[in-house]
Amino acid sequence: MEKITQSLAGRVAVFNLLPFSTEELNGTIHQLDNPFEYIVKGFYPRIYDQGTPADLFYTSYMLTYLERDVRLLKNIGDLASFERFVRLCAGHIGQIFNQTSLSNDTNFSQPTIKSWLSVLETSFVAFLLPPYFRNFNKRLLKTPKLYFYDTGLACSLLGIRSASDLEIHPMRGPLFENFIVVEYMKRRLNQGLRPNCYYWRDSTGNEIDLLVEDGSRIFPIEIKSSQTLKPDFFKNLAFFQNISATPPDQSFLVYAGDENQNRIHGSARSWNSLPTFD
């Protein structure tokens, strides 16, 4: 875009086309029944269109990404250190983006870490999920959380090769959370709309994994990688309803199981039956 000589203001529409969503794969020969298989396989079209093994695709992707895209976006001299930074980011999925911690781990300055993150954002590798801005509680965390646009790439960077590996891996919960957050972002972006996704957390640890804003309404969504439901999964939804006056019929818990159920503090929805807010 920077090489275009004319201003296209008012004459161009920009669409962000992320890798496939589960909605796009439903009803095709590529549909999967296990969310953890989707998470490890990822959603890049070539994996599905040409049957490229995920391991081979992501290894090649990182090599070409580092040698071509990164050098085009920013003249980074030490690509080995940048690759280590990307791998560290994969291990921090679902966490508050902490420049200080990443700076200490990589031995690079915080301005360098900030610059490198901008490369990941510009090249649609990673993004920061902003905190919700409405002040329901004066002691809110205001730092964004880190996620990847594609969980398959993150799994490859973390050395997770199969769904069975993922199900017993410490990153199972964060990667499942990443999967659901990005599914909602894809839904909005595929309609040409701005993502309206946030998270909410106060200083005492009360948290909502995903808040979807639709006009004047907000929909709190808790995300659990368990395949069975437990009563305490709804405690954060109950807390948030109490301070925000959000009704239970606007509150959801998305989990890795297959059944949809209605509970006192919200609806439990399967990973392959995500609620819509249209």
C-alpha atoms as a PDB file:
ATOM      1  CA  MET A   1       0.000   0.000   0.000  1.00  0.00           C
ATOM      2  CA  GLU A   2       2.855   2.396   0.740  1.00  0.00           C
ATOM      3  CA  LYS A   3       4.017   2.142  -2.901  1.00  0.00           C
ATOM      4  CA  ILE A   4       0.719   3.450  -4.295  1.00  0.00           C
ATOM      5  CA  THR A   5       1.344   6.994  -5.504  1.00  0.00           C
ATOM      6  CA  GLN A   6      -2.260   8.253  -5.380  1.00  0.00           C
ATOM      7  CA  SER A   7      -4.389   8.849  -2.336  1.00  0.00           C
ATOM      8  CA  LEU A   8      -7.324   6.447  -2.413  1.00  0.00           C
ATOM      9  CA  ALA A   9      -9.224   8.191   0.380  1.00  0.00           C
ATOM     10  CA  GLY A  10     -12.937   7.681  -0.111  1.00  0.00           C
ATOM     11  CA  ARG A  11     -12.389   5.366  -3.097  1.00  0.00           C
ATOM     12  CA  VAL A  12     -11.203   2.187  -1.458  1.00  0.00           C
ATOM     13  CA  ALA A  13     -12.525  -0.373   0.995  1.00  0.00           C
ATOM     14  CA  VAL A  14     -10.059  -2.404   3.043  1.00  0.00           C
ATOM     15  CA  PHE A  15     -10.993  -5.941   4.082  1.00  0.00           C
ATOM     16  CA  ASN A  16      -8.913  -7.965   6.502  1.00  0.00           C
ATOM     17  CA  LEU A  17      -9.135 -11.599   5.406  1.00  0.00           C
ATOM     18  CA  LEU A  18      -7.883 -13.819   8.204  1.00  0.00           C
ATOM     19  CA  PRO A  19      -7.379 -17.590   7.774  1.00  0.00           C
ATOM     20  CA  PHE A  20     -10.506 -19.753   7.545  1.00  0.00           C
ATOM     21  CA  SER A  21     -13.082 -19.725  10.333  1.00  0.00           C
ATOM     22  CA  THR A  22     -14.913 -22.804  11.571  1.00  0.00           C
ATOM     23  CA  GLU A  23     -18.094 -21.316  10.093  1.00  0.00           C
ATOM     24  CA  GLU A  24     -16.490 -21.380   6.640  1.00  0.00           C
ATOM     25  CA  LEU A  25     -15.360 -24.997   7.067  1.00  0.00           C
ATOM     26  CA  ASN A  26     -18.667 -26.294   8.448  1.00  0.00           C
ATOM     27  CA  GLY A  27     -20.449 -28.506   5.959  1.00  0.00           C
ATOM     28  CA  THR A  28     -17.310 -29.110   3.875  1.00  0.00           C
ATOM     29  CA  ILE A  29     -15.059 -32.155   3.657  1.00  0.00           C
ATOM     30  CA  HIS A  30     -12.627 -30.292   5.915  1.00  0.00           C
ATOM     31  CA  GLN A  31     -14.971 -29.985   8.895  1.00  0.00           C
ATOM     32  CA  LEU A  32     -13.539 -31.435  12.108  1.00  0.00           C
ATOM     33  CA  ASP A  33     -15.362 -32.656  15.218  1.00  0.00           C
ATOM     34  CA  ASN A  34     -12.616 -31.966  17.750  1.00  0.00           C
ATOM     35  CA  PRO A  35     -11.686 -28.372  18.670  1.00  0.00           C
ATOM     36  CA  PHE A  36      -8.167 -29.397  19.640  1.00  0.00           C
ATOM     37  CA  GLU A  37      -7.553 -30.796  16.152  1.00  0.00           C
ATOM     38  CA  TYR A  38      -8.589 -27.431  14.715  1.00  0.00           C
ATOM     39  CA  ILE A  39      -6.312 -25.597  17.141  1.00  0.00           C
ATOM     40  CA  VAL A  40      -3.236 -27.650  16.210  1.00  0.00           C
ATOM     41  CA  LYS A  41      -4.004 -27.749  12.494  1.00  0.00           C
ATOM     42  CA  GLY A  42      -4.768 -24.053  12.266  1.00  0.00           C
ATOM     43  CA  PHE A  43      -6.749 -22.404   9.503  1.00  0.00           C
ATOM     44  CA  TYR A  44      -4.425 -21.329   6.716  1.00  0.00           C
ATOM     45  CA  PRO A  45      -6.097 -22.162   3.363  1.00  0.00           C
ATOM     46  CA  ARG A  46      -3.154 -24.025   1.834  1.00  0.00           C
ATOM     47  CA  ILE A  47      -3.342 -26.673   4.575  1.00  0.00           C
ATOM     48  CA  TYR A  48      -6.910 -27.458   3.509  1.00  0.00           C
ATOM     49  CA  ASP A  49      -6.790 -26.669  -0.201  1.00  0.00           C
ATOM     50  CA  GLN A  50      -3.636 -28.647  -0.991  1.00  0.00           C
ATOM     51  CA  GLY A  51      -3.481 -31.018   1.946  1.00  0.00           C
ATOM     52  CA  THR A  52      -0.132 -29.664   3.110  1.00  0.00           C
ATOM     53  CA  PRO A  53       0.807 -31.236   6.487  1.00  0.00           C
ATOM     54  CA  ALA A  54       0.547 -28.600   9.201  1.00  0.00           C
ATOM     55  CA  ASP A  55       4.054 -29.336  10.502  1.00  0.00           C
ATOM     56  CA  LEU A  56       5.595 -28.771   7.088  1.00  0.00           C
ATOM     57  CA  PHE A  57       3.489 -25.703   6.349  1.00  0.00           C
ATOM     58  CA  TYR A  58       4.268 -23.816   9.556  1.00  0.00           C
ATOM     59  CA  THR A  59       7.976 -24.632   9.497  1.00  0.00           C
ATOM     60  CA  SER A  60       8.190 -23.293   5.944  1.00  0.00           C
ATOM     61  CA  TYR A  61       5.960 -20.351   6.847  1.00  0.00           C
ATOM     62  CA  MET A  62       8.293 -19.206   9.621  1.00  0.00           C
ATOM     63  CA  LEU A  63      11.329 -19.449   7.354  1.00  0.00           C
ATOM     64  CA  THR A  64       9.761 -17.423   4.554  1.00  0.00           C
ATOM     65  CA  TYR A  65       8.155 -15.021   7.028  1.00  0.00           C
ATOM     66  CA  LEU A  66      11.486 -14.228   8.651  1.00  0.00           C
ATOM     67  CA  GLU A  67      13.482 -14.000   5.445  1.00  0.00           C
ATOM     68  CA  ARG A  68      10.937 -12.073   3.384  1.00  0.00           C
ATOM     69  CA  ASP A  69       8.126 -10.375   5.290  1.00  0.00           C
ATOM     70  CA  VAL A  70      10.075  -9.286   8.342  1.00  0.00           C
ATOM     71  CA  ARG A  71      12.909  -7.797   6.285  1.00  0.00           C
ATOM     72  CA  LEU A  72      10.357  -6.004   4.105  1.00  0.00           C
ATOM     73  CA  LEU A  73       8.519  -4.530   7.079  1.00  0.00           C
ATOM     74  CA  LYS A  74      11.534  -3.674   9.178  1.00  0.00           C
ATOM     75  CA  ASN A  75      15.249  -4.129   8.722  1.00  0.00           C
ATOM     76  CA  ILE A  76      15.873  -6.463  11.653  1.00  0.00           C
ATOM     77  CA  GLY A  77      19.493  -7.547  11.662  1.00  0.00           C
ATOM     78  CA  ASP A  78      19.288 -10.329  14.244  1.00  0.00           C
ATOM     79  CA  LEU A  79      16.569 -12.627  12.864  1.00  0.00           C
ATOM     80  CA  ALA A  80      17.489 -15.401  15.308  1.00  0.00           C
ATOM     81  CA  SER A  81      16.647 -13.153  18.257  1.00  0.00           C
ATOM     82  CA  PHE A  82      13.449 -12.015  16.559  1.00  0.00           C
ATOM     83  CA  GLU A  83      12.416 -15.652  16.048  1.00  0.00           C
ATOM     84  CA  ARG A  84      13.083 -16.321  19.741  1.00  0.00           C
ATOM     85  CA  PHE A  85      10.862 -13.346  20.529  1.00  0.00           C
ATOM     86  CA  VAL A  86       8.045 -14.789  18.383  1.00  0.00           C
ATOM     87  CA  ARG A  87       8.340 -18.134  20.197  1.00  0.00           C
ATOM     88  CA  LEU A  88       8.234 -16.397  23.567  1.00  0.00           C
ATOM     89  CA  CYS A  89       5.098 -14.552  22.463  1.00  0.00           C
ATOM     90  CA  ALA A  90       3.490 -17.903  21.623  1.00  0.00           C
ATOM     91  CA  GLY A  91       4.171 -18.986  25.187  1.00  0.00           C
ATOM     92  CA  HIS A  92       2.488 -15.823  26.530  1.00  0.00           C
ATOM     93  CA  ILE A  93      -0.815 -16.271  24.682  1.00  0.00           C
ATOM     94  CA  GLY A  94      -3.776 -15.173  26.796  1.00  0.00           C
ATOM     95  CA  GLN A  95      -1.558 -13.229  29.181  1.00  0.00           C
ATOM     96  CA  ILE A  96      -1.199  -9.520  29.851  1.00  0.00           C
ATOM     97  CA  PHE A  97       1.350  -8.138  27.397  1.00  0.00           C
ATOM     98  CA  ASN A  98       4.328  -7.396  29.617  1.00  0.00           C
ATOM     99  CA  GLN A  99       7.096  -5.557  27.769  1.00  0.00           C
ATOM    100  CA  THR A 100       9.362  -5.668  30.796  1.00  0.00           C
ATOM    101  CA  SER A 101       9.154  -9.449  31.123  1.00  0.00           C
ATOM    102  CA  LEU A 102       9.774 -10.025  27.412  1.00  0.00           C
ATOM    103  CA  SER A 103      12.610  -7.521  27.481  1.00  0.00           C
ATOM    104  CA  ASN A 104      14.258  -9.419  30.339  1.00  0.00           C
ATOM    105  CA  ASP A 105      13.758 -12.777  28.592  1.00  0.00           C
ATOM    106  CA  THR A 106      15.277 -11.589  25.308  1.00  0.00           C
ATOM    107  CA  ASN A 107      17.860  -9.142  26.651  1.00  0.00           C
ATOM    108  CA  PHE A 108      16.530  -6.474  24.307  1.00  0.00           C
ATOM    109  CA  SER A 109      15.252  -3.048  25.289  1.00  0.00           C
ATOM    110  CA  GLN A 110      11.565  -2.330  25.804  1.00  0.00           C
ATOM    111  CA  PRO A 111      11.464  -0.005  22.749  1.00  0.00           C
ATOM    112  CA  THR A 112      12.821  -2.902  20.673  1.00  0.00           C
ATOM    113  CA  ILE A 113      10.149  -5.247  22.057  1.00  0.00           C
ATOM    114  CA  LYS A 114       7.475  -2.672  21.231  1.00  0.00           C
ATOM    115  CA  SER A 115       8.874  -2.307  17.721  1.00  0.00           C
ATOM    116  CA  TRP A 116       8.970  -6.080  17.197  1.00  0.00           C
ATOM    117  CA  LEU A 117       5.393  -6.454  18.387  1.00  0.00           C
ATOM    118  CA  SER A 118       4.324  -3.863  15.819  1.00  0.00           C
ATOM    119  CA  VAL A 119       5.874  -6.114  13.146  1.00  0.00           C
ATOM    120  CA  LEU A 120       3.803  -9.074  14.387  1.00  0.00           C
ATOM    121  CA  GLU A 121       0.672  -6.925  14.359  1.00  0.00           C
ATOM    122  CA  THR A 122       1.295  -5.451  10.908  1.00  0.00           C
ATOM    123  CA  SER A 123       1.968  -8.892   9.422  1.00  0.00           C
ATOM    124  CA  PHE A 124      -1.139 -10.408  11.094  1.00  0.00           C
ATOM    125  CA  VAL A 125       0.767 -12.872  13.265  1.00  0.00           C
ATOM    126  CA  ALA A 126      -0.260 -11.536  16.679  1.00  0.00           C
ATOM    127  CA  PHE A 127      -2.567  -8.886  18.126  1.00  0.00           C
ATOM    128  CA  LEU A 128      -3.424  -7.229  21.412  1.00  0.00           C
ATOM    129  CA  LEU A 129      -6.947  -7.624  22.804  1.00  0.00           C
ATOM    130  CA  PRO A 130      -7.848  -4.331  24.528  1.00  0.00           C
ATOM    131  CA  PRO A 131      -9.399  -4.147  27.989  1.00  0.00           C
ATOM    132  CA  TYR A 132     -13.011  -3.006  28.204  1.00  0.00           C
ATOM    133  CA  PHE A 133     -13.119   0.724  28.829  1.00  0.00           C
ATOM    134  CA  ARG A 134     -16.329   1.164  30.829  1.00  0.00           C
ATOM    135  CA  ASN A 135     -15.562   1.748  34.488  1.00  0.00           C
ATOM    136  CA  PHE A 136     -17.720  -0.819  36.305  1.00  0.00           C
ATOM    137  CA  ASN A 137     -15.011  -1.046  38.915  1.00  0.00           C
ATOM    138  CA  LYS A 138     -12.388   1.598  39.736  1.00  0.00           C
ATOM    139  CA  ARG A 139      -9.596  -0.981  40.083  1.00  0.00           C
ATOM    140  CA  LEU A 140      -9.352  -2.222  36.523  1.00  0.00           C
ATOM    141  CA  LEU A 141      -6.365  -3.543  34.626  1.00  0.00           C
ATOM    142  CA  LYS A 142      -5.815  -1.437  31.530  1.00  0.00           C
ATOM    143  CA  THR A 143      -3.081  -3.417  29.766  1.00  0.00           C
ATOM    144  CA  PRO A 144      -4.038  -5.494  26.673  1.00  0.00           C
ATOM    145  CA  LYS A 145      -3.688  -9.266  26.375  1.00  0.00           C
ATOM    146  CA  LEU A 146      -1.643 -11.031  23.702  1.00  0.00           C
ATOM    147  CA  TYR A 147      -3.066 -13.496  21.171  1.00  0.00           C
ATOM    148  CA  PHE A 148      -2.106 -15.033  17.820  1.00  0.00           C
ATOM    149  CA  TYR A 149      -4.273 -14.787  14.731  1.00  0.00           C
ATOM    150  CA  ASP A 150      -3.713 -18.496  14.018  1.00  0.00           C
ATOM    151  CA  THR A 151      -3.419 -21.158  16.709  1.00  0.00           C
ATOM    152  CA  GLY A 152      -1.753 -23.620  14.327  1.00  0.00           C
ATOM    153  CA  LEU A 153       1.257 -21.330  14.030  1.00  0.00           C
ATOM    154  CA  ALA A 154       1.357 -20.892  17.805  1.00  0.00           C
ATOM    155  CA  CYS A 155       1.230 -24.669  18.338  1.00  0.00           C
ATOM    156  CA  SER A 156       4.062 -25.174  15.859  1.00  0.00           C
ATOM    157  CA  LEU A 157       6.199 -22.599  17.670  1.00  0.00           C
ATOM    158  CA  LEU A 158       5.457 -24.334  20.990  1.00  0.00           C
ATOM    159  CA  GLY A 159       6.295 -27.810  19.639  1.00  0.00           C
ATOM    160  CA  ILE A 160       2.702 -29.101  19.932  1.00  0.00           C
ATOM    161  CA  ARG A 161       2.218 -31.601  17.100  1.00  0.00           C
ATOM    162  CA  SER A 162      -1.137 -33.278  17.736  1.00  0.00           C
ATOM    163  CA  ALA A 163      -4.487 -32.850  19.452  1.00  0.00           C
ATOM    164  CA  SER A 164      -3.515 -35.511  21.997  1.00  0.00           C
ATOM    165  CA  ASP A 165      -0.359 -33.508  22.815  1.00  0.00           C
ATOM    166  CA  LEU A 166      -2.417 -30.359  23.263  1.00  0.00           C
ATOM    167  CA  GLU A 167      -5.018 -31.945  25.549  1.00  0.00           C
ATOM    168  CA  ILE A 168      -2.372 -32.590  28.226  1.00  0.00           C
ATOM    169  CA  HIS A 169      -0.253 -29.498  27.533  1.00  0.00           C
ATOM    170  CA  PRO A 170      -0.083 -26.535  29.984  1.00  0.00           C
ATOM    171  CA  MET A 171      -1.072 -24.240  27.100  1.00  0.00           C
ATOM    172  CA  ARG A 172      -4.321 -26.104  26.440  1.00  0.00           C
ATOM    173  CA  GLY A 173      -6.481 -23.456  28.164  1.00  0.00           C
ATOM    174  CA  PRO A 174      -4.801 -20.360  26.664  1.00  0.00           C
ATOM    175  CA  LEU A 175      -4.810 -21.838  23.147  1.00  0.00           C
ATOM    176  CA  PHE A 176      -8.489 -22.795  23.388  1.00  0.00           C
ATOM    177  CA  GLU A 177      -9.235 -19.278  24.622  1.00  0.00           C
ATOM    178  CA  ASN A 178      -7.221 -17.861  21.697  1.00  0.00           C
ATOM    179  CA  PHE A 179      -9.203 -20.067  19.296  1.00  0.00           C
ATOM    180  CA  ILE A 180     -12.583 -18.760  20.502  1.00  0.00           C
ATOM    181  CA  VAL A 181     -11.502 -15.091  20.660  1.00  0.00           C
ATOM    182  CA  VAL A 182     -10.245 -15.198  17.064  1.00  0.00           C
ATOM    183  CA  GLU A 183     -13.424 -16.942  15.864  1.00  0.00           C
ATOM    184  CA  TYR A 184     -15.376 -13.893  17.018  1.00  0.00           C
ATOM    185  CA  MET A 185     -12.913 -11.529  15.391  1.00  0.00           C
ATOM    186  CA  LYS A 186     -13.190 -13.419  12.107  1.00  0.00           C
ATOM    187  CA  ARG A 187     -16.962 -13.193  12.249  1.00  0.00           C
ATOM    188  CA  ARG A 188     -16.786  -9.408  12.430  1.00  0.00           C
ATOM    189  CA  LEU A 189     -13.958  -8.927   9.945  1.00  0.00           C
ATOM    190  CA  ASN A 190     -15.602 -11.228   7.397  1.00  0.00           C
ATOM    191  CA  GLN A 191     -18.561  -8.835   7.448  1.00  0.00           C
ATOM    192  CA  GLY A 192     -16.265  -5.875   6.855  1.00  0.00           C
ATOM    193  CA  LEU A 193     -16.840  -4.639  10.405  1.00  0.00           C
ATOM    194  CA  ARG A 194     -14.446  -3.497  13.088  1.00  0.00           C
ATOM    195  CA  PRO A 195     -13.792  -6.146  15.736  1.00  0.00           C
ATOM    196  CA  ASN A 196     -15.775  -5.291  18.856  1.00  0.00           C
ATOM    197  CA  CYS A 197     -13.970  -7.688  21.190  1.00  0.00           C
ATOM    198  CA  TYR A 198     -12.479  -6.878  24.574  1.00  0.00           C
ATOM    199  CA  TYR A 199     -11.584  -8.528  27.849  1.00  0.00           C
ATOM    200  CA  TRP A 200     -12.286  -7.345  31.413  1.00  0.00           C
ATOM    201  CA  ARG A 201     -10.290  -7.868  34.582  1.00  0.00           C
ATOM    202  CA  ASP A 202     -10.073  -6.073  37.917  1.00  0.00           C
ATOM    203  CA  SER A 203      -7.103  -5.875  40.262  1.00  0.00           C
ATOM    204  CA  THR A 204      -8.454  -8.627  42.524  1.00  0.00           C
ATOM    205  CA  GLY A 205      -8.481 -11.244  39.754  1.00  0.00           C
ATOM    206  CA  ASN A 206     -12.109 -11.192  38.646  1.00  0.00           C
ATOM    207  CA  GLU A 207     -12.060 -11.587  34.882  1.00  0.00           C
ATOM    208  CA  ILE A 208     -14.224 -12.062  31.816  1.00  0.00           C
ATOM    209  CA  ASP A 209     -12.255 -13.675  28.975  1.00  0.00           C
ATOM    210  CA  LEU A 210     -14.189 -11.994  26.181  1.00  0.00           C
ATOM    211  CA  LEU A 211     -16.640  -9.109  26.017  1.00  0.00           C
ATOM    212  CA  VAL A 212     -18.457  -8.610  22.735  1.00  0.00           C
ATOM    213  CA  GLU A 213     -20.030  -5.193  22.291  1.00  0.00           C
ATOM    214  CA  ASP A 214     -23.068  -4.843  20.058  1.00  0.00           C
ATOM    215  CA  GLY A 215     -24.489  -1.352  20.015  1.00  0.00           C
ATOM    216  CA  SER A 216     -25.476  -0.456  23.565  1.00  0.00           C
ATOM    217  CA  ARG A 217     -25.369  -4.079  24.728  1.00  0.00           C
ATOM    218  CA  ILE A 218     -22.438  -6.105  25.983  1.00  0.00           C
ATOM    219  CA  PHE A 219     -22.157  -9.879  26.036  1.00  0.00           C
ATOM    220  CA  PRO A 220     -19.730 -11.360  28.585  1.00  0.00           C
ATOM    221  CA  ILE A 221     -18.266 -14.708  27.526  1.00  0.00           C
ATOM    222  CA  GLU A 222     -16.252 -17.047  29.731  1.00  0.00           C
ATOM    223  CA  ILE A 223     -14.089 -19.574  27.884  1.00  0.00           C
ATOM    224  CA  LYS A 224     -13.158 -22.979  29.321  1.00  0.00           C
ATOM    225  CA  SER A 225     -11.189 -25.746  27.606  1.00  0.00           C
ATOM    226  CA  SER A 226     -12.893 -28.440  29.680  1.00  0.00           C
ATOM    227  CA  GLN A 227     -15.210 -30.865  27.881  1.00  0.00           C
ATOM    228  CA  THR A 228     -17.482 -31.096  30.950  1.00  0.00           C
ATOM    229  CA  LEU A 229     -19.318 -28.313  32.752  1.00  0.00           C
ATOM    230  CA  LYS A 230     -18.713 -27.376  36.395  1.00  0.00           C
ATOM    231  CA  PRO A 231     -20.757 -24.947  38.523  1.00  0.00           C
ATOM    232  CA  ASP A 232     -17.773 -22.765  39.416  1.00  0.00           C
ATOM    233  CA  PHE A 233     -17.203 -22.010  35.716  1.00  0.00           C
ATOM    234  CA  PHE A 234     -20.008 -19.431  36.054  1.00  0.00           C
ATOM    235  CA  LYS A 235     -18.669 -17.514  39.079  1.00  0.00           C
ATOM    236  CA  ASN A 236     -17.031 -14.734  37.044  1.00  0.00           C
ATOM    237  CA  LEU A 237     -20.187 -14.284  34.986  1.00  0.00           C
ATOM    238  CA  ALA A 238     -22.202 -13.981  38.211  1.00  0.00           C
ATOM    239  CA  PHE A 239     -19.773 -11.384  39.578  1.00  0.00           C
ATOM    240  CA  PHE A 240     -19.828  -9.345  36.377  1.00  0.00           C
ATOM    241  CA  GLN A 241     -23.625  -9.462  36.198  1.00  0.00           C
ATOM    242  CA  ASN A 242     -23.783  -8.075  39.735  1.00  0.00           C
ATOM    243  CA  ILE A 243     -21.627  -5.013  39.011  1.00  0.00           C
ATOM    244  CA  SER A 244     -22.765  -4.315  35.443  1.00  0.00           C
ATOM    245  CA  ALA A 245     -26.480  -5.234  35.549  1.00  0.00           C
ATOM    246  CA  THR A 246     -25.942  -7.518  32.555  1.00  0.00           C
ATOM    247  CA  PRO A 247     -28.828 -10.023  32.375  1.00  0.00           C
ATOM    248  CA  PRO A 248     -28.108 -13.782  32.329  1.00  0.00           C
ATOM    249  CA  ASP A 249     -29.610 -14.117  28.841  1.00  0.00           C
ATOM    250  CA  GLN A 250     -26.745 -11.962  27.543  1.00  0.00           C
ATOM    251  CA  SER A 251     -24.093 -14.044  29.329  1.00  0.00           C
ATOM    252  CA  PHE A 252     -22.393 -17.130  27.900  1.00  0.00           C
ATOM    253  CA  LEU A 253     -19.885 -19.786  28.754  1.00  0.00           C
ATOM    254  CA  VAL A 254     -18.161 -21.402  25.765  1.00  0.00           C
ATOM    255  CA  TYR A 255     -16.481 -24.736  26.448  1.00  0.00           C
ATOM    256  CA  ALA A 256     -14.912 -27.670  24.602  1.00  0.00           C
ATOM    257  CA  GLY A 257     -17.886 -29.979  25.059  1.00  0.00           C
ATOM    258  CA  ASP A 258     -20.764 -30.695  22.685  1.00  0.00           C
ATOM    259  CA  GLU A 259     -23.943 -29.847  24.630  1.00  0.00           C
ATOM    260  CA  ASN A 260     -25.750 -26.530  24.949  1.00  0.00           C
ATOM    261  CA  GLN A 261     -27.369 -25.864  28.316  1.00  0.00           C
ATOM    262  CA  ASN A 262     -29.124 -22.992  30.081  1.00  0.00           C
ATOM    263  CA  ARG A 263     -27.937 -22.212  33.608  1.00  0.00           C
ATOM    264  CA  ILE A 264     -28.885 -19.603  36.211  1.00  0.00           C
ATOM    265  CA  HIS A 265     -26.044 -17.252  35.341  1.00  0.00           C
ATOM    266  CA  GLY A 266     -25.945 -17.787  31.591  1.00  0.00           C
ATOM    267  CA  SER A 267     -26.026 -20.196  28.683  1.00  0.00           C
ATOM    268  CA  ALA A 268     -23.349 -22.821  28.183  1.00  0.00           C
ATOM    269  CA  ARG A 269     -22.534 -23.135  24.511  1.00  0.00           C
ATOM    270  CA  SER A 270     -20.444 -25.675  22.683  1.00  0.00           C
ATOM    271  CA  TRP A 271     -17.324 -24.511  20.823  1.00  0.00           C
ATOM    272  CA  ASN A 272     -19.060 -25.409  17.531  1.00  0.00           C
ATOM    273  CA  SER A 273     -22.287 -23.600  18.423  1.00  0.00           C
ATOM    274  CA  LEU A 274     -21.112 -20.110  19.277  1.00  0.00           C
ATOM    275  CA  PRO A 275     -23.807 -17.572  20.156  1.00  0.00           C
ATOM    276  CA  THR A 276     -24.603 -14.785  17.714  1.00  0.00           C
ATOM    277  CA  PHE A 277     -25.690 -11.281  18.686  1.00  0.00           C
ATOM    278  CA  ASP A 278     -27.336  -9.961  15.515  1.00  0.00           C
END
